[in-house]
Amino acid sequence: MFDEAVVDQVIPLPDDDVIRMTRSLCRDHGHLVGFSAGAAALAILKLDLSAEDTVVFPLCDSGKPYLEKLFPA
């Protein structure tokens, strides 16, 4: 069950940007992840963080089921 009271912030992200980030995680960083991980990475980049901040987040899904969407022929 979703408890809205524990959510600090919602960051809307365009689908095209999430797809680009997910592809970048695979091509540039070697992480074959799905769209949830791509969205998490993109959302972190939109946070107002300082150089001293450290962010840790799980790459929580696999991109294997999405290969045709991530890299269409």
PDB file of N, CA and C in Angstrom:
ATOM      1  N   MET A   1       0.839  -1.169   0.000  1.00  0.00           N
ATOM      2  CA  MET A   1       0.000   0.000   0.000  1.00  0.00           C
ATOM      3  C   MET A   1       0.890   1.239   0.000  1.00  0.00           C
ATOM      4  N   PHE A   2       0.547   2.208  -0.796  1.00  0.00           N
ATOM      5  CA  PHE A   2       1.313   3.445  -0.930  1.00  0.00           C
ATOM      6  C   PHE A   2       0.947   4.415   0.186  1.00  0.00           C
ATOM      7  N   ASP A   3       1.944   4.871   0.925  1.00  0.00           N
ATOM      8  CA  ASP A   3       1.739   5.839   2.003  1.00  0.00           C
ATOM      9  C   ASP A   3       2.337   7.176   1.576  1.00  0.00           C
ATOM     10  N   GLU A   4       1.507   8.063   1.092  1.00  0.00           N
ATOM     11  CA  GLU A   4       1.953   9.359   0.590  1.00  0.00           C
ATOM     12  C   GLU A   4       2.658  10.191   1.655  1.00  0.00           C
ATOM     13  N   ALA A   5       2.392   9.916   2.928  1.00  0.00           N
ATOM     14  CA  ALA A   5       2.979  10.690   4.016  1.00  0.00           C
ATOM     15  C   ALA A   5       4.497  10.520   4.107  1.00  0.00           C
ATOM     16  N   VAL A   6       5.032   9.434   3.571  1.00  0.00           N
ATOM     17  CA  VAL A   6       6.477   9.192   3.680  1.00  0.00           C
ATOM     18  C   VAL A   6       7.253   9.689   2.454  1.00  0.00           C
ATOM     19  N   VAL A   7       6.559  10.254   1.480  1.00  0.00           N
ATOM     20  CA  VAL A   7       7.200  10.754   0.264  1.00  0.00           C
ATOM     21  C   VAL A   7       7.627  12.203   0.483  1.00  0.00           C
ATOM     22  N   ASP A   8       8.913  12.464   0.268  1.00  0.00           N
ATOM     23  CA  ASP A   8       9.437  13.821   0.420  1.00  0.00           C
ATOM     24  C   ASP A   8       9.175  14.676  -0.808  1.00  0.00           C
ATOM     25  N   GLN A   9       9.314  14.061  -1.992  1.00  0.00           N
ATOM     26  CA  GLN A   9       9.231  14.846  -3.213  1.00  0.00           C
ATOM     27  C   GLN A   9       8.900  13.912  -4.386  1.00  0.00           C
ATOM     28  N   VAL A  10       8.116  14.392  -5.316  1.00  0.00           N
ATOM     29  CA  VAL A  10       7.846  13.688  -6.564  1.00  0.00           C
ATOM     30  C   VAL A  10       8.482  14.500  -7.682  1.00  0.00           C
ATOM     31  N   ILE A  11       9.258  13.827  -8.519  1.00  0.00           N
ATOM     32  CA  ILE A  11       9.956  14.504  -9.610  1.00  0.00           C
ATOM     33  C   ILE A  11       9.411  13.969 -10.933  1.00  0.00           C
ATOM     34  N   PRO A  12       8.580  14.762 -11.616  1.00  0.00           N
ATOM     35  CA  PRO A  12       8.071  14.305 -12.911  1.00  0.00           C
ATOM     36  C   PRO A  12       9.188  14.246 -13.955  1.00  0.00           C
ATOM     37  N   LEU A  13       9.192  13.175 -14.741  1.00  0.00           N
ATOM     38  CA  LEU A  13      10.234  12.979 -15.747  1.00  0.00           C
ATOM     39  C   LEU A  13       9.604  12.591 -17.078  1.00  0.00           C
ATOM     40  N   PRO A  14       9.974  13.258 -18.157  1.00  0.00           N
ATOM     41  CA  PRO A  14       9.462  12.873 -19.477  1.00  0.00           C
ATOM     42  C   PRO A  14       9.977  11.485 -19.875  1.00  0.00           C
ATOM     43  N   ASP A  15       9.111  10.682 -20.487  1.00  0.00           N
ATOM     44  CA  ASP A  15       9.490   9.327 -20.896  1.00  0.00           C
ATOM     45  C   ASP A  15      10.731   9.312 -21.776  1.00  0.00           C
ATOM     46  N   ASP A  16      10.822  10.235 -22.721  1.00  0.00           N
ATOM     47  CA  ASP A  16      11.977  10.261 -23.623  1.00  0.00           C
ATOM     48  C   ASP A  16      13.287  10.470 -22.865  1.00  0.00           C
ATOM     49  N   ASP A  17      13.260  11.303 -21.831  1.00  0.00           N
ATOM     50  CA  ASP A  17      14.460  11.538 -21.023  1.00  0.00           C
ATOM     51  C   ASP A  17      14.841  10.286 -20.236  1.00  0.00           C
ATOM     52  N   VAL A  18      13.839   9.587 -19.725  1.00  0.00           N
ATOM     53  CA  VAL A  18      14.102   8.346 -18.980  1.00  0.00           C
ATOM     54  C   VAL A  18      14.711   7.305 -19.917  1.00  0.00           C
ATOM     55  N   ILE A  19      14.188   7.192 -21.124  1.00  0.00           N
ATOM     56  CA  ILE A  19      14.731   6.230 -22.084  1.00  0.00           C
ATOM     57  C   ILE A  19      16.179   6.578 -22.419  1.00  0.00           C
ATOM     58  N   ARG A  20      16.464   7.863 -22.644  1.00  0.00           N
ATOM     59  CA  ARG A  20      17.855   8.277 -22.928  1.00  0.00           C
ATOM     60  C   ARG A  20      18.785   7.946 -21.760  1.00  0.00           C
ATOM     61  N   MET A  21      18.345   8.191 -20.534  1.00  0.00           N
ATOM     62  CA  MET A  21      19.179   7.884 -19.369  1.00  0.00           C
ATOM     63  C   MET A  21      19.399   6.384 -19.242  1.00  0.00           C
ATOM     64  N   THR A  22      18.358   5.604 -19.474  1.00  0.00           N
ATOM     65  CA  THR A  22      18.485   4.150 -19.373  1.00  0.00           C
ATOM     66  C   THR A  22      19.478   3.633 -20.407  1.00  0.00           C
ATOM     67  N   ARG A  23      19.409   4.160 -21.622  1.00  0.00           N
ATOM     68  CA  ARG A  23      20.378   3.784 -22.665  1.00  0.00           C
ATOM     69  C   ARG A  23      21.792   4.204 -22.271  1.00  0.00           C
ATOM     70  N   SER A  24      21.924   5.379 -21.695  1.00  0.00           N
ATOM     71  CA  SER A  24      23.237   5.863 -21.278  1.00  0.00           C
ATOM     72  C   SER A  24      23.836   4.975 -20.182  1.00  0.00           C
ATOM     73  N   LEU A  25      23.001   4.555 -19.248  1.00  0.00           N
ATOM     74  CA  LEU A  25      23.500   3.669 -18.189  1.00  0.00           C
ATOM     75  C   LEU A  25      24.050   2.381 -18.789  1.00  0.00           C
ATOM     76  N   CYS A  26      23.427   1.908 -19.848  1.00  0.00           N
ATOM     77  CA  CYS A  26      23.899   0.688 -20.511  1.00  0.00           C
ATOM     78  C   CYS A  26      25.135   0.959 -21.368  1.00  0.00           C
ATOM     79  N   ARG A  27      25.017   1.893 -22.289  1.00  0.00           N
ATOM     80  CA  ARG A  27      26.104   2.141 -23.242  1.00  0.00           C
ATOM     81  C   ARG A  27      27.351   2.735 -22.608  1.00  0.00           C
ATOM     82  N   ASP A  28      27.154   3.727 -21.745  1.00  0.00           N
ATOM     83  CA  ASP A  28      28.293   4.478 -21.215  1.00  0.00           C
ATOM     84  C   ASP A  28      28.851   3.909 -19.911  1.00  0.00           C
ATOM     85  N   HIS A  29      28.015   3.166 -19.184  1.00  0.00           N
ATOM     86  CA  HIS A  29      28.437   2.710 -17.858  1.00  0.00           C
ATOM     87  C   HIS A  29      28.378   1.194 -17.683  1.00  0.00           C
ATOM     88  N   GLY A  30      27.848   0.478 -18.679  1.00  0.00           N
ATOM     89  CA  GLY A  30      27.838  -0.978 -18.631  1.00  0.00           C
ATOM     90  C   GLY A  30      26.782  -1.585 -17.720  1.00  0.00           C
ATOM     91  N   HIS A  31      25.719  -0.844 -17.411  1.00  0.00           N
ATOM     92  CA  HIS A  31      24.658  -1.356 -16.547  1.00  0.00           C
ATOM     93  C   HIS A  31      23.409  -1.594 -17.382  1.00  0.00           C
ATOM     94  N   LEU A  32      23.077  -2.858 -17.648  1.00  0.00           N
ATOM     95  CA  LEU A  32      21.869  -3.183 -18.398  1.00  0.00           C
ATOM     96  C   LEU A  32      20.706  -3.168 -17.410  1.00  0.00           C
ATOM     97  N   VAL A  33      20.089  -2.020 -17.278  1.00  0.00           N
ATOM     98  CA  VAL A  33      19.009  -1.819 -16.303  1.00  0.00           C
ATOM     99  C   VAL A  33      17.721  -1.468 -17.034  1.00  0.00           C
ATOM    100  N   GLY A  34      16.632  -1.519 -16.296  1.00  0.00           N
ATOM    101  CA  GLY A  34      15.330  -1.166 -16.840  1.00  0.00           C
ATOM    102  C   GLY A  34      15.005   0.296 -16.603  1.00  0.00           C
ATOM    103  N   PHE A  35      13.775   0.631 -16.954  1.00  0.00           N
ATOM    104  CA  PHE A  35      13.356   2.030 -16.915  1.00  0.00           C
ATOM    105  C   PHE A  35      13.239   2.582 -15.495  1.00  0.00           C
ATOM    106  N   SER A  36      12.968   1.738 -14.510  1.00  0.00           N
ATOM    107  CA  SER A  36      12.890   2.231 -13.129  1.00  0.00           C
ATOM    108  C   SER A  36      14.240   2.760 -12.669  1.00  0.00           C
ATOM    109  N   ALA A  37      15.293   2.029 -12.985  1.00  0.00           N
ATOM    110  CA  ALA A  37      16.635   2.480 -12.609  1.00  0.00           C
ATOM    111  C   ALA A  37      17.025   3.731 -13.400  1.00  0.00           C
ATOM    112  N   GLY A  38      16.645   3.785 -14.670  1.00  0.00           N
ATOM    113  CA  GLY A  38      16.915   4.974 -15.473  1.00  0.00           C
ATOM    114  C   GLY A  38      16.212   6.198 -14.906  1.00  0.00           C
ATOM    115  N   ALA A  39      14.969   6.006 -14.482  1.00  0.00           N
ATOM    116  CA  ALA A  39      14.215   7.114 -13.886  1.00  0.00           C
ATOM    117  C   ALA A  39      14.835   7.556 -12.573  1.00  0.00           C
ATOM    118  N   ALA A  40      15.283   6.606 -11.761  1.00  0.00           N
ATOM    119  CA  ALA A  40      15.910   6.953 -10.478  1.00  0.00           C
ATOM    120  C   ALA A  40      17.188   7.755 -10.709  1.00  0.00           C
ATOM    121  N   ALA A  41      18.015   7.318 -11.663  1.00  0.00           N
ATOM    122  CA  ALA A  41      19.262   8.032 -11.955  1.00  0.00           C
ATOM    123  C   ALA A  41      18.979   9.445 -12.454  1.00  0.00           C
ATOM    124  N   LEU A  42      18.001   9.578 -13.328  1.00  0.00           N
ATOM    125  CA  LEU A  42      17.660  10.888 -13.866  1.00  0.00           C
ATOM    126  C   LEU A  42      17.105  11.805 -12.778  1.00  0.00           C
ATOM    127  N   ALA A  43      16.277  11.270 -11.913  1.00  0.00           N
ATOM    128  CA  ALA A  43      15.707  12.070 -10.828  1.00  0.00           C
ATOM    129  C   ALA A  43      16.804  12.589  -9.896  1.00  0.00           C
ATOM    130  N   ILE A  44      17.798  11.771  -9.641  1.00  0.00           N
ATOM    131  CA  ILE A  44      18.904  12.198  -8.770  1.00  0.00           C
ATOM    132  C   ILE A  44      19.630  13.391  -9.384  1.00  0.00           C
ATOM    133  N   LEU A  45      19.801  13.375 -10.701  1.00  0.00           N
ATOM    134  CA  LEU A  45      20.478  14.492 -11.368  1.00  0.00           C
ATOM    135  C   LEU A  45      19.683  15.787 -11.278  1.00  0.00           C
ATOM    136  N   LYS A  46      18.383  15.676 -11.064  1.00  0.00           N
ATOM    137  CA  LYS A  46      17.538  16.866 -10.961  1.00  0.00           C
ATOM    138  C   LYS A  46      17.461  17.419  -9.535  1.00  0.00           C
ATOM    139  N   LEU A  47      18.012  16.701  -8.573  1.00  0.00           N
ATOM    140  CA  LEU A  47      18.016  17.186  -7.190  1.00  0.00           C
ATOM    141  C   LEU A  47      19.035  18.302  -7.019  1.00  0.00           C
ATOM    142  N   ASP A  48      18.781  19.168  -6.081  1.00  0.00           N
ATOM    143  CA  ASP A  48      19.699  20.262  -5.774  1.00  0.00           C
ATOM    144  C   ASP A  48      20.728  19.751  -4.770  1.00  0.00           C
ATOM    145  N   LEU A  49      21.796  19.161  -5.277  1.00  0.00           N
ATOM    146  CA  LEU A  49      22.817  18.551  -4.427  1.00  0.00           C
ATOM    147  C   LEU A  49      24.086  19.385  -4.440  1.00  0.00           C
ATOM    148  N   SER A  50      24.812  19.316  -3.352  1.00  0.00           N
ATOM    149  CA  SER A  50      26.111  19.990  -3.295  1.00  0.00           C
ATOM    150  C   SER A  50      27.210  18.988  -3.626  1.00  0.00           C
ATOM    151  N   ALA A  51      28.411  19.477  -3.820  1.00  0.00           N
ATOM    152  CA  ALA A  51      29.549  18.615  -4.142  1.00  0.00           C
ATOM    153  C   ALA A  51      29.871  17.659  -2.998  1.00  0.00           C
ATOM    154  N   GLU A  52      29.459  17.997  -1.798  1.00  0.00           N
ATOM    155  CA  GLU A  52      29.737  17.153  -0.637  1.00  0.00           C
ATOM    156  C   GLU A  52      28.696  16.051  -0.444  1.00  0.00           C
ATOM    157  N   ASP A  53      27.568  16.138  -1.137  1.00  0.00           N
ATOM    158  CA  ASP A  53      26.507  15.146  -0.985  1.00  0.00           C
ATOM    159  C   ASP A  53      26.908  13.821  -1.620  1.00  0.00           C
ATOM    160  N   THR A  54      26.470  12.743  -1.007  1.00  0.00           N
ATOM    161  CA  THR A  54      26.652  11.405  -1.547  1.00  0.00           C
ATOM    162  C   THR A  54      25.278  10.782  -1.713  1.00  0.00           C
ATOM    163  N   VAL A  55      25.039  10.204  -2.865  1.00  0.00           N
ATOM    164  CA  VAL A  55      23.760   9.554  -3.133  1.00  0.00           C
ATOM    165  C   VAL A  55      24.032   8.099  -3.468  1.00  0.00           C
ATOM    166  N   VAL A  56      23.295   7.212  -2.832  1.00  0.00           N
ATOM    167  CA  VAL A  56      23.369   5.787  -3.111  1.00  0.00           C
ATOM    168  C   VAL A  56      21.961   5.340  -3.478  1.00  0.00           C
ATOM    169  N   PHE A  57      21.836   4.639  -4.584  1.00  0.00           N
ATOM    170  CA  PHE A  57      20.524   4.107  -4.964  1.00  0.00           C
ATOM    171  C   PHE A  57      20.722   2.769  -5.658  1.00  0.00           C
ATOM    172  N   PRO A  58      19.755   1.862  -5.499  1.00  0.00           N
ATOM    173  CA  PRO A  58      19.893   0.544  -6.130  1.00  0.00           C
ATOM    174  C   PRO A  58      19.540   0.599  -7.611  1.00  0.00           C
ATOM    175  N   LEU A  59      20.246  -0.154  -8.394  1.00  0.00           N
ATOM    176  CA  LEU A  59      19.854  -0.379  -9.779  1.00  0.00           C
ATOM    177  C   LEU A  59      18.909  -1.580  -9.724  1.00  0.00           C
ATOM    178  N   CYS A  60      17.632  -1.260  -9.554  1.00  0.00           N
ATOM    179  CA  CYS A  60      16.660  -2.226  -9.034  1.00  0.00           C
ATOM    180  C   CYS A  60      15.987  -3.120 -10.067  1.00  0.00           C
ATOM    181  N   ASP A  61      16.325  -3.034 -11.309  1.00  0.00           N
ATOM    182  CA  ASP A  61      15.685  -3.899 -12.282  1.00  0.00           C
ATOM    183  C   ASP A  61      16.644  -4.206 -13.419  1.00  0.00           C
ATOM    184  N   SER A  62      16.283  -5.199 -14.199  1.00  0.00           N
ATOM    185  CA  SER A  62      17.102  -5.602 -15.328  1.00  0.00           C
ATOM    186  C   SER A  62      16.530  -5.028 -16.612  1.00  0.00           C
ATOM    187  N   GLY A  63      17.390  -4.709 -17.546  1.00  0.00           N
ATOM    188  CA  GLY A  63      16.953  -4.205 -18.834  1.00  0.00           C
ATOM    189  C   GLY A  63      16.686  -5.302 -19.846  1.00  0.00           C
ATOM    190  N   LYS A  64      16.953  -6.543 -19.477  1.00  0.00           N
ATOM    191  CA  LYS A  64      16.793  -7.647 -20.422  1.00  0.00           C
ATOM    192  C   LYS A  64      15.392  -7.717 -21.035  1.00  0.00           C
ATOM    193  N   PRO A  65      14.307  -7.558 -20.239  1.00  0.00           N
ATOM    194  CA  PRO A  65      12.973  -7.615 -20.856  1.00  0.00           C
ATOM    195  C   PRO A  65      12.669  -6.439 -21.786  1.00  0.00           C
ATOM    196  N   TYR A  66      13.477  -5.387 -21.740  1.00  0.00           N
ATOM    197  CA  TYR A  66      13.217  -4.170 -22.499  1.00  0.00           C
ATOM    198  C   TYR A  66      14.182  -3.944 -23.651  1.00  0.00           C
ATOM    199  N   LEU A  67      14.929  -4.970 -24.029  1.00  0.00           N
ATOM    200  CA  LEU A  67      15.969  -4.780 -25.045  1.00  0.00           C
ATOM    201  C   LEU A  67      15.405  -4.225 -26.353  1.00  0.00           C
ATOM    202  N   GLU A  68      14.249  -4.689 -26.781  1.00  0.00           N
ATOM    203  CA  GLU A  68      13.688  -4.205 -28.045  1.00  0.00           C
ATOM    204  C   GLU A  68      13.257  -2.742 -27.930  1.00  0.00           C
ATOM    205  N   LYS A  69      12.795  -2.309 -26.749  1.00  0.00           N
ATOM    206  CA  LYS A  69      12.411  -0.914 -26.566  1.00  0.00           C
ATOM    207  C   LYS A  69      13.634  -0.020 -26.385  1.00  0.00           C
ATOM    208  N   LEU A  70      14.644  -0.538 -25.695  1.00  0.00           N
ATOM    209  CA  LEU A  70      15.842   0.259 -25.452  1.00  0.00           C
ATOM    210  C   LEU A  70      16.672   0.416 -26.725  1.00  0.00           C
ATOM    211  N   PHE A  71      16.798  -0.656 -27.465  1.00  0.00           N
ATOM    212  CA  PHE A  71      17.658  -0.661 -28.647  1.00  0.00           C
ATOM    213  C   PHE A  71      16.915  -1.252 -29.833  1.00  0.00           C
ATOM    214  N   PRO A  72      15.938  -0.498 -30.387  1.00  0.00           N
ATOM    215  CA  PRO A  72      15.184  -1.020 -31.530  1.00  0.00           C
ATOM    216  C   PRO A  72      16.086  -1.239 -32.745  1.00  0.00           C
ATOM    217  N   ALA A  73      15.743  -2.227 -33.523  1.00  0.00           N
ATOM    218  CA  ALA A  73      16.544  -2.567 -34.707  1.00  0.00           C
ATOM    219  C   ALA A  73      16.476  -1.504 -35.767  1.00  0.00           C
TER     220      ALA A  73
END
